Amino acid sequence: MNKVIFSALLMLFTLPVASNPLNIHVHGNVVTQPCKLEKTDYLVDLGKINLWNYRDPAQTPWVDFSIKLVECPATTKNARLIIRGIPDTTGNYFINTGTSRNSVLNLATKDAKNLLKNGSELDITINNVNNNAEISLSSRIISQSLKLEPGTFRSHLDFTLIYP
């Protein structure tokens, strides 16, 4: 009897095994942390403007400011800054949401005064010694009419940093 049970069990274990193929796909991305920003909010004070001083041409002096990237990973060599804001009717400047009529924001690179408008992109090189970068910009108010008009001036820009 034991031989019959043993033979039956042996036949069960020798039966072909049915199986379904199973594929497992594993994927992911290895990334580094981006640079840190010295500040996350910037307030550029264009100052109190005496209209008498800015009649022809109707534009204020440039006000310089910088966006600073700090503590960049050693492997990060460059970045790209994309500028977004609400463009004026010409597409070259940014609108004023304050009360000074016909006034727009003129944004440019600090040194060359290259015009920056909605959608402009700047390539930034990260300093490989201190792993920092400084993006130097300038802004001013200009009038789309013959003269600046009294009132408040406000404009909002968004900067997006991309690390290729």
N, C-alpha and C. Protein backbone atom coordinates (compact mmCIF):
# COMPACT_ATOMS: atom_id res chain seq x y z
N MET A 1 0.83 -1.19 0.00
CA MET A 1 0.00 0.00 0.00
C MET A 1 0.88 1.25 0.00
N ASN A 2 1.94 1.23 0.81
CA ASN A 2 2.83 2.38 0.84
C ASN A 2 3.49 2.60 -0.50
N LYS A 3 3.78 1.47 -1.20
CA LYS A 3 4.40 1.60 -2.51
C LYS A 3 3.45 2.26 -3.49
N VAL A 4 2.16 1.97 -3.41
CA VAL A 4 1.17 2.55 -4.31
C VAL A 4 1.04 4.05 -4.04
N ILE A 5 1.00 4.44 -2.79
CA ILE A 5 0.89 5.87 -2.44
C ILE A 5 2.15 6.60 -2.88
N PHE A 6 3.31 5.99 -2.62
CA PHE A 6 4.56 6.62 -3.02
C PHE A 6 4.64 6.78 -4.53
N SER A 7 4.20 5.77 -5.27
CA SER A 7 4.21 5.83 -6.74
C SER A 7 3.25 6.89 -7.23
N ALA A 8 2.10 7.02 -6.61
CA ALA A 8 1.12 8.02 -7.02
C ALA A 8 1.66 9.43 -6.76
N LEU A 9 2.30 9.62 -5.62
CA LEU A 9 2.88 10.93 -5.32
C LEU A 9 4.02 11.26 -6.28
N LEU A 10 4.82 10.28 -6.61
CA LEU A 10 5.92 10.49 -7.53
C LEU A 10 5.40 10.90 -8.90
N MET A 11 4.30 10.30 -9.34
CA MET A 11 3.72 10.66 -10.64
C MET A 11 3.17 12.09 -10.60
N LEU A 12 2.63 12.51 -9.48
CA LEU A 12 2.12 13.89 -9.38
C LEU A 12 3.25 14.90 -9.53
N PHE A 13 4.38 14.62 -8.93
CA PHE A 13 5.50 15.56 -8.99
C PHE A 13 6.20 15.56 -10.33
N THR A 14 6.01 14.55 -11.11
CA THR A 14 6.66 14.49 -12.42
C THR A 14 5.77 14.99 -13.53
N LEU A 15 4.53 15.35 -13.23
CA LEU A 15 3.64 15.89 -14.26
C LEU A 15 4.20 17.22 -14.76
N PRO A 16 4.00 17.53 -16.03
CA PRO A 16 4.49 18.81 -16.54
C PRO A 16 3.84 19.97 -15.78
N VAL A 17 4.63 20.98 -15.55
CA VAL A 17 4.16 22.15 -14.81
C VAL A 17 3.69 23.19 -15.82
N ALA A 18 2.51 23.71 -15.65
CA ALA A 18 1.98 24.75 -16.52
C ALA A 18 2.37 26.10 -15.93
N SER A 19 2.79 27.03 -16.80
CA SER A 19 3.17 28.35 -16.30
C SER A 19 2.85 29.41 -17.34
N ASN A 20 2.74 30.62 -16.88
CA ASN A 20 2.58 31.79 -17.75
C ASN A 20 3.83 32.63 -17.62
N PRO A 21 4.35 33.13 -18.74
CA PRO A 21 5.53 33.99 -18.62
C PRO A 21 5.15 35.30 -17.93
N LEU A 22 6.07 35.82 -17.18
CA LEU A 22 5.84 37.06 -16.45
C LEU A 22 7.02 37.98 -16.71
N ASN A 23 6.75 39.18 -17.18
CA ASN A 23 7.80 40.18 -17.42
C ASN A 23 7.71 41.25 -16.35
N ILE A 24 8.84 41.58 -15.81
CA ILE A 24 8.91 42.66 -14.83
C ILE A 24 9.84 43.72 -15.40
N HIS A 25 9.33 44.92 -15.56
CA HIS A 25 10.12 46.05 -16.06
C HIS A 25 10.38 47.01 -14.91
N VAL A 26 11.62 47.37 -14.74
CA VAL A 26 12.01 48.29 -13.68
C VAL A 26 12.63 49.51 -14.34
N HIS A 27 12.18 50.70 -13.98
CA HIS A 27 12.75 51.92 -14.56
C HIS A 27 12.74 53.04 -13.54
N GLY A 28 13.51 54.09 -13.83
CA GLY A 28 13.58 55.24 -12.94
C GLY A 28 14.55 56.26 -13.50
N ASN A 29 14.74 57.33 -12.80
CA ASN A 29 15.67 58.39 -13.17
C ASN A 29 16.58 58.69 -12.00
N VAL A 30 17.83 58.88 -12.30
CA VAL A 30 18.79 59.31 -11.29
C VAL A 30 19.06 60.78 -11.55
N VAL A 31 18.76 61.63 -10.61
CA VAL A 31 18.90 63.07 -10.81
C VAL A 31 19.66 63.68 -9.64
N THR A 32 20.15 64.88 -9.86
CA THR A 32 20.76 65.64 -8.77
C THR A 32 19.79 66.73 -8.34
N GLN A 33 19.99 67.24 -7.18
CA GLN A 33 19.17 68.35 -6.71
C GLN A 33 19.54 69.60 -7.49
N PRO A 34 18.59 70.49 -7.72
CA PRO A 34 18.92 71.74 -8.42
C PRO A 34 19.69 72.69 -7.50
N CYS A 35 20.14 73.76 -8.10
CA CYS A 35 20.78 74.81 -7.31
C CYS A 35 19.74 75.41 -6.37
N LYS A 36 20.21 76.00 -5.30
CA LYS A 36 19.32 76.73 -4.40
C LYS A 36 19.29 78.19 -4.84
N LEU A 37 18.19 78.85 -4.57
CA LEU A 37 18.08 80.29 -4.83
C LEU A 37 18.42 81.04 -3.56
N GLU A 38 19.21 82.09 -3.71
CA GLU A 38 19.54 82.91 -2.54
C GLU A 38 18.26 83.48 -1.93
N LYS A 39 17.33 83.91 -2.78
CA LYS A 39 16.01 84.39 -2.36
C LYS A 39 14.99 83.80 -3.32
N THR A 40 13.77 83.59 -2.85
CA THR A 40 12.73 83.08 -3.74
C THR A 40 11.77 84.16 -4.19
N ASP A 41 11.75 85.29 -3.51
CA ASP A 41 10.91 86.42 -3.91
C ASP A 41 11.80 87.65 -4.03
N TYR A 42 11.62 88.37 -5.12
CA TYR A 42 12.40 89.58 -5.36
C TYR A 42 11.45 90.76 -5.49
N LEU A 43 11.79 91.84 -4.85
CA LEU A 43 11.06 93.09 -4.99
C LEU A 43 12.05 94.11 -5.52
N VAL A 44 11.84 94.54 -6.74
CA VAL A 44 12.74 95.51 -7.35
C VAL A 44 12.08 96.88 -7.18
N ASP A 45 12.71 97.74 -6.40
CA ASP A 45 12.17 99.07 -6.13
C ASP A 45 12.69 100.04 -7.18
N LEU A 46 11.81 100.49 -8.04
CA LEU A 46 12.19 101.44 -9.09
C LEU A 46 12.22 102.87 -8.58
N GLY A 47 11.89 103.05 -7.32
CA GLY A 47 12.03 104.35 -6.69
C GLY A 47 10.88 105.31 -6.97
N LYS A 48 11.00 106.49 -6.37
CA LYS A 48 10.04 107.57 -6.58
C LYS A 48 10.55 108.39 -7.76
N ILE A 49 9.71 108.57 -8.74
CA ILE A 49 10.12 109.18 -10.00
C ILE A 49 9.52 110.58 -10.13
N ASN A 50 10.38 111.56 -10.30
CA ASN A 50 9.93 112.92 -10.54
C ASN A 50 9.72 113.08 -12.04
N LEU A 51 8.48 113.27 -12.45
CA LEU A 51 8.15 113.34 -13.88
C LEU A 51 8.92 114.45 -14.60
N TRP A 52 9.22 115.51 -13.91
CA TRP A 52 9.92 116.63 -14.53
C TRP A 52 11.26 116.21 -15.11
N ASN A 53 11.92 115.25 -14.45
CA ASN A 53 13.24 114.82 -14.88
C ASN A 53 13.23 113.85 -16.06
N TYR A 54 12.08 113.29 -16.38
CA TYR A 54 12.03 112.23 -17.40
C TYR A 54 10.97 112.53 -18.44
N ARG A 55 11.22 113.57 -19.22
CA ARG A 55 10.23 113.96 -20.22
C ARG A 55 10.60 113.50 -21.62
N ASP A 56 11.84 113.57 -21.99
CA ASP A 56 12.20 113.21 -23.35
C ASP A 56 13.59 112.59 -23.36
N PRO A 57 13.74 111.35 -23.51
CA PRO A 57 12.69 110.34 -23.70
C PRO A 57 12.01 110.01 -22.37
N ALA A 58 10.83 109.50 -22.47
CA ALA A 58 10.03 109.20 -21.28
C ALA A 58 10.41 107.81 -20.75
N GLN A 59 11.56 107.78 -20.09
CA GLN A 59 12.03 106.53 -19.49
C GLN A 59 12.84 106.85 -18.25
N THR A 60 12.76 105.97 -17.28
CA THR A 60 13.49 106.18 -16.03
C THR A 60 14.87 105.54 -16.12
N PRO A 61 15.75 105.86 -15.18
CA PRO A 61 17.06 105.21 -15.18
C PRO A 61 16.94 103.71 -14.91
N TRP A 62 17.93 102.97 -15.34
CA TRP A 62 17.97 101.53 -15.09
C TRP A 62 18.18 101.27 -13.61
N VAL A 63 17.51 100.25 -13.11
CA VAL A 63 17.71 99.76 -11.74
C VAL A 63 18.20 98.31 -11.86
N ASP A 64 19.40 98.07 -11.34
CA ASP A 64 20.02 96.76 -11.45
C ASP A 64 19.58 95.85 -10.31
N PHE A 65 19.48 94.56 -10.61
CA PHE A 65 19.23 93.55 -9.59
C PHE A 65 19.79 92.22 -10.10
N SER A 66 19.96 91.28 -9.18
CA SER A 66 20.55 89.98 -9.54
C SER A 66 19.75 88.84 -8.93
N ILE A 67 19.71 87.75 -9.66
CA ILE A 67 19.18 86.49 -9.16
C ILE A 67 20.40 85.60 -8.93
N LYS A 68 20.53 85.08 -7.72
CA LYS A 68 21.73 84.30 -7.39
C LYS A 68 21.38 82.84 -7.13
N LEU A 69 22.08 81.98 -7.84
CA LEU A 69 21.99 80.54 -7.63
C LEU A 69 23.17 80.14 -6.75
N VAL A 70 22.89 79.43 -5.69
CA VAL A 70 23.95 79.04 -4.75
C VAL A 70 23.89 77.53 -4.49
N GLU A 71 24.99 77.01 -4.00
CA GLU A 71 25.09 75.60 -3.62
C GLU A 71 24.64 74.66 -4.73
N CYS A 72 25.07 74.96 -5.95
CA CYS A 72 24.75 74.08 -7.07
C CYS A 72 25.54 72.78 -6.92
N PRO A 73 24.96 71.65 -7.31
CA PRO A 73 25.72 70.40 -7.27
C PRO A 73 26.96 70.52 -8.17
N ALA A 74 28.02 69.85 -7.80
CA ALA A 74 29.27 69.92 -8.56
C ALA A 74 29.10 69.45 -10.00
N THR A 75 28.11 68.60 -10.24
CA THR A 75 27.88 68.09 -11.60
C THR A 75 27.07 69.05 -12.46
N THR A 76 26.49 70.08 -11.86
CA THR A 76 25.69 71.04 -12.62
C THR A 76 26.61 72.10 -13.20
N LYS A 77 26.66 72.16 -14.52
CA LYS A 77 27.56 73.08 -15.21
C LYS A 77 26.83 74.29 -15.78
N ASN A 78 25.52 74.15 -16.06
CA ASN A 78 24.77 75.27 -16.63
C ASN A 78 23.29 75.13 -16.31
N ALA A 79 22.59 76.19 -16.59
CA ALA A 79 21.14 76.23 -16.38
C ALA A 79 20.55 77.17 -17.43
N ARG A 80 19.26 77.12 -17.55
CA ARG A 80 18.57 78.03 -18.47
C ARG A 80 17.46 78.73 -17.69
N LEU A 81 17.40 80.05 -17.84
CA LEU A 81 16.37 80.87 -17.19
C LEU A 81 15.35 81.27 -18.25
N ILE A 82 14.08 80.99 -17.98
CA ILE A 82 13.00 81.38 -18.89
C ILE A 82 12.17 82.43 -18.18
N ILE A 83 11.91 83.54 -18.88
CA ILE A 83 11.20 84.68 -18.30
C ILE A 83 9.77 84.70 -18.83
N ARG A 84 8.82 84.82 -17.92
CA ARG A 84 7.41 84.89 -18.29
C ARG A 84 6.76 86.07 -17.57
N GLY A 85 5.87 86.72 -18.27
CA GLY A 85 5.10 87.83 -17.73
C GLY A 85 4.04 88.19 -18.75
N ILE A 86 3.18 89.11 -18.41
CA ILE A 86 2.15 89.52 -19.37
C ILE A 86 2.74 90.60 -20.26
N PRO A 87 2.84 90.30 -21.56
CA PRO A 87 3.45 91.28 -22.46
C PRO A 87 2.51 92.45 -22.75
N ASP A 88 3.12 93.58 -23.12
CA ASP A 88 2.32 94.72 -23.55
C ASP A 88 1.87 94.47 -24.99
N THR A 89 1.22 95.47 -25.59
CA THR A 89 0.68 95.30 -26.94
C THR A 89 1.76 95.13 -28.00
N THR A 90 2.96 95.64 -27.75
CA THR A 90 4.05 95.48 -28.73
C THR A 90 4.74 94.13 -28.58
N GLY A 91 4.59 93.49 -27.43
CA GLY A 91 5.27 92.22 -27.17
C GLY A 91 6.69 92.37 -26.69
N ASN A 92 7.19 93.61 -26.61
CA ASN A 92 8.58 93.84 -26.21
C ASN A 92 8.76 94.13 -24.73
N TYR A 93 7.69 94.50 -24.05
CA TYR A 93 7.77 94.92 -22.66
C TYR A 93 6.72 94.17 -21.85
N PHE A 94 6.64 94.48 -20.56
CA PHE A 94 5.68 93.84 -19.68
C PHE A 94 4.69 94.89 -19.16
N ILE A 95 3.44 94.49 -19.03
CA ILE A 95 2.40 95.45 -18.65
C ILE A 95 2.58 95.95 -17.22
N ASN A 96 2.02 97.11 -16.98
CA ASN A 96 1.93 97.72 -15.67
C ASN A 96 0.50 97.50 -15.19
N THR A 97 0.35 96.93 -13.99
CA THR A 97 -0.99 96.76 -13.43
C THR A 97 -1.32 97.85 -12.42
N GLY A 98 -0.43 98.83 -12.29
CA GLY A 98 -0.68 99.97 -11.41
C GLY A 98 -1.52 101.03 -12.12
N THR A 99 -1.52 102.24 -11.56
CA THR A 99 -2.40 103.30 -12.07
C THR A 99 -1.72 104.25 -13.05
N SER A 100 -0.41 104.17 -13.22
CA SER A 100 0.29 105.03 -14.17
C SER A 100 0.00 104.53 -15.59
N ARG A 101 -0.75 105.32 -16.33
CA ARG A 101 -1.18 104.90 -17.67
C ARG A 101 -0.04 104.97 -18.68
N ASN A 102 -0.10 104.07 -19.66
CA ASN A 102 0.86 104.00 -20.77
C ASN A 102 2.29 103.73 -20.31
N SER A 103 2.46 103.19 -19.12
CA SER A 103 3.79 102.86 -18.61
C SER A 103 3.98 101.35 -18.66
N VAL A 104 5.15 100.91 -19.10
CA VAL A 104 5.45 99.48 -19.18
C VAL A 104 6.82 99.21 -18.58
N LEU A 105 7.07 97.95 -18.27
CA LEU A 105 8.35 97.54 -17.71
C LEU A 105 9.29 97.13 -18.84
N ASN A 106 10.46 97.72 -18.83
CA ASN A 106 11.53 97.38 -19.76
C ASN A 106 12.54 96.54 -18.98
N LEU A 107 12.72 95.27 -19.36
CA LEU A 107 13.66 94.37 -18.69
C LEU A 107 14.79 94.05 -19.65
N ALA A 108 16.02 94.02 -19.13
CA ALA A 108 17.18 93.77 -19.99
C ALA A 108 18.29 93.10 -19.18
N THR A 109 19.26 92.56 -19.91
CA THR A 109 20.47 92.08 -19.25
C THR A 109 21.23 93.29 -18.74
N LYS A 110 21.92 93.15 -17.63
CA LYS A 110 22.57 94.31 -17.00
C LYS A 110 23.67 94.90 -17.87
N ASP A 111 24.60 94.09 -18.32
CA ASP A 111 25.78 94.62 -19.01
C ASP A 111 25.49 95.09 -20.42
N ALA A 112 24.88 94.25 -21.23
CA ALA A 112 24.68 94.59 -22.64
C ALA A 112 23.35 95.30 -22.90
N LYS A 113 22.49 95.32 -21.89
CA LYS A 113 21.15 95.90 -22.03
C LYS A 113 20.37 95.26 -23.19
N ASN A 114 20.57 93.94 -23.35
CA ASN A 114 19.78 93.21 -24.34
C ASN A 114 18.35 93.09 -23.84
N LEU A 115 17.40 93.43 -24.68
CA LEU A 115 15.99 93.41 -24.32
C LEU A 115 15.54 91.99 -23.98
N LEU A 116 14.85 91.86 -22.87
CA LEU A 116 14.26 90.58 -22.46
C LEU A 116 12.76 90.75 -22.46
N LYS A 117 12.07 89.86 -23.13
CA LYS A 117 10.61 89.95 -23.20
C LYS A 117 10.00 88.62 -22.81
N ASN A 118 8.69 88.53 -22.85
CA ASN A 118 8.00 87.31 -22.46
C ASN A 118 8.52 86.14 -23.29
N GLY A 119 8.94 85.08 -22.61
CA GLY A 119 9.47 83.90 -23.30
C GLY A 119 10.96 83.94 -23.56
N SER A 120 11.63 85.04 -23.22
CA SER A 120 13.08 85.11 -23.41
C SER A 120 13.77 84.05 -22.56
N GLU A 121 14.88 83.53 -23.08
CA GLU A 121 15.66 82.53 -22.37
C GLU A 121 17.10 82.99 -22.26
N LEU A 122 17.68 82.77 -21.10
CA LEU A 122 19.09 83.09 -20.87
C LEU A 122 19.82 81.81 -20.46
N ASP A 123 20.96 81.56 -21.10
CA ASP A 123 21.80 80.44 -20.71
C ASP A 123 22.76 80.91 -19.63
N ILE A 124 22.86 80.15 -18.57
CA ILE A 124 23.66 80.54 -17.40
C ILE A 124 24.75 79.50 -17.20
N THR A 125 25.96 79.97 -17.02
CA THR A 125 27.09 79.09 -16.71
C THR A 125 27.32 79.10 -15.20
N ILE A 126 27.39 77.92 -14.61
CA ILE A 126 27.64 77.80 -13.18
C ILE A 126 29.15 77.86 -12.95
N ASN A 127 29.57 78.70 -12.02
CA ASN A 127 30.99 78.81 -11.68
C ASN A 127 31.43 77.49 -11.05
N ASN A 128 32.42 76.83 -11.68
CA ASN A 128 32.82 75.51 -11.19
C ASN A 128 33.74 75.57 -9.97
N VAL A 129 34.15 76.76 -9.56
CA VAL A 129 34.99 76.90 -8.36
C VAL A 129 34.11 76.98 -7.11
N ASN A 130 33.11 77.87 -7.13
CA ASN A 130 32.25 78.04 -5.95
C ASN A 130 30.84 77.46 -6.13
N ASN A 131 30.56 76.88 -7.29
CA ASN A 131 29.26 76.26 -7.60
C ASN A 131 28.09 77.23 -7.43
N ASN A 132 28.30 78.48 -7.82
CA ASN A 132 27.28 79.51 -7.77
C ASN A 132 27.15 80.17 -9.13
N ALA A 133 26.08 80.93 -9.32
CA ALA A 133 25.91 81.73 -10.53
C ALA A 133 25.11 82.97 -10.18
N GLU A 134 25.37 84.04 -10.91
CA GLU A 134 24.64 85.29 -10.70
C GLU A 134 24.08 85.75 -12.04
N ILE A 135 22.78 86.00 -12.06
CA ILE A 135 22.11 86.48 -13.26
C ILE A 135 21.82 87.95 -13.04
N SER A 136 22.57 88.81 -13.72
CA SER A 136 22.47 90.25 -13.52
C SER A 136 21.51 90.86 -14.53
N LEU A 137 20.49 91.52 -14.02
CA LEU A 137 19.44 92.11 -14.86
C LEU A 137 19.26 93.58 -14.52
N SER A 138 18.56 94.28 -15.40
CA SER A 138 18.21 95.69 -15.17
C SER A 138 16.76 95.90 -15.59
N SER A 139 16.10 96.83 -14.93
CA SER A 139 14.73 97.16 -15.29
C SER A 139 14.51 98.65 -15.18
N ARG A 140 13.53 99.12 -15.91
CA ARG A 140 13.14 100.53 -15.85
C ARG A 140 11.72 100.67 -16.37
N ILE A 141 11.15 101.83 -16.12
CA ILE A 141 9.82 102.16 -16.63
C ILE A 141 10.01 102.99 -17.89
N ILE A 142 9.26 102.64 -18.91
CA ILE A 142 9.23 103.50 -20.09
C ILE A 142 7.77 103.81 -20.40
N SER A 143 7.56 104.90 -21.10
CA SER A 143 6.21 105.31 -21.47
C SER A 143 5.96 104.97 -22.93
N GLN A 144 4.77 104.52 -23.22
CA GLN A 144 4.39 104.26 -24.60
C GLN A 144 3.80 105.51 -25.25
N SER A 145 3.73 106.58 -24.48
CA SER A 145 3.29 107.86 -25.04
C SER A 145 4.46 108.83 -24.91
N LEU A 146 4.22 110.09 -25.11
CA LEU A 146 5.30 111.08 -25.10
C LEU A 146 5.84 111.36 -23.71
N LYS A 147 5.06 111.07 -22.68
CA LYS A 147 5.54 111.38 -21.33
C LYS A 147 5.04 110.34 -20.34
N LEU A 148 5.75 110.25 -19.23
CA LEU A 148 5.30 109.40 -18.14
C LEU A 148 4.14 110.08 -17.44
N GLU A 149 3.20 109.28 -16.95
CA GLU A 149 2.06 109.83 -16.24
C GLU A 149 2.12 109.41 -14.78
N PRO A 150 1.63 110.26 -13.88
CA PRO A 150 1.69 109.92 -12.45
C PRO A 150 0.82 108.72 -12.11
N GLY A 151 1.23 108.01 -11.08
CA GLY A 151 0.47 106.85 -10.61
C GLY A 151 1.41 105.77 -10.11
N THR A 152 0.84 104.68 -9.71
CA THR A 152 1.64 103.56 -9.21
C THR A 152 2.10 102.68 -10.37
N PHE A 153 3.16 101.94 -10.11
CA PHE A 153 3.67 101.03 -11.12
C PHE A 153 3.89 99.66 -10.49
N ARG A 154 3.29 98.65 -11.12
CA ARG A 154 3.45 97.27 -10.66
C ARG A 154 3.53 96.35 -11.88
N SER A 155 4.45 95.43 -11.81
CA SER A 155 4.56 94.42 -12.86
C SER A 155 5.02 93.13 -12.21
N HIS A 156 4.60 92.01 -12.74
CA HIS A 156 4.94 90.72 -12.15
C HIS A 156 5.60 89.84 -13.20
N LEU A 157 6.72 89.23 -12.83
CA LEU A 157 7.43 88.32 -13.72
C LEU A 157 7.64 86.99 -13.01
N ASP A 158 7.63 85.92 -13.78
CA ASP A 158 7.97 84.59 -13.27
C ASP A 158 9.23 84.13 -13.98
N PHE A 159 10.15 83.60 -13.21
CA PHE A 159 11.39 83.05 -13.76
C PHE A 159 11.39 81.54 -13.50
N THR A 160 11.63 80.77 -14.55
CA THR A 160 11.73 79.32 -14.43
C THR A 160 13.17 78.91 -14.73
N LEU A 161 13.74 78.10 -13.88
CA LEU A 161 15.10 77.58 -14.09
C LEU A 161 15.02 76.13 -14.53
N ILE A 162 15.74 75.82 -15.60
CA ILE A 162 15.81 74.46 -16.12
C ILE A 162 17.27 74.04 -16.09
N TYR A 163 17.50 72.83 -15.62
CA TYR A 163 18.86 72.29 -15.55
C TYR A 163 18.97 71.17 -16.58
N PRO A 164 19.63 71.45 -17.71
CA PRO A 164 19.71 70.42 -18.77
C PRO A 164 20.57 69.24 -18.36
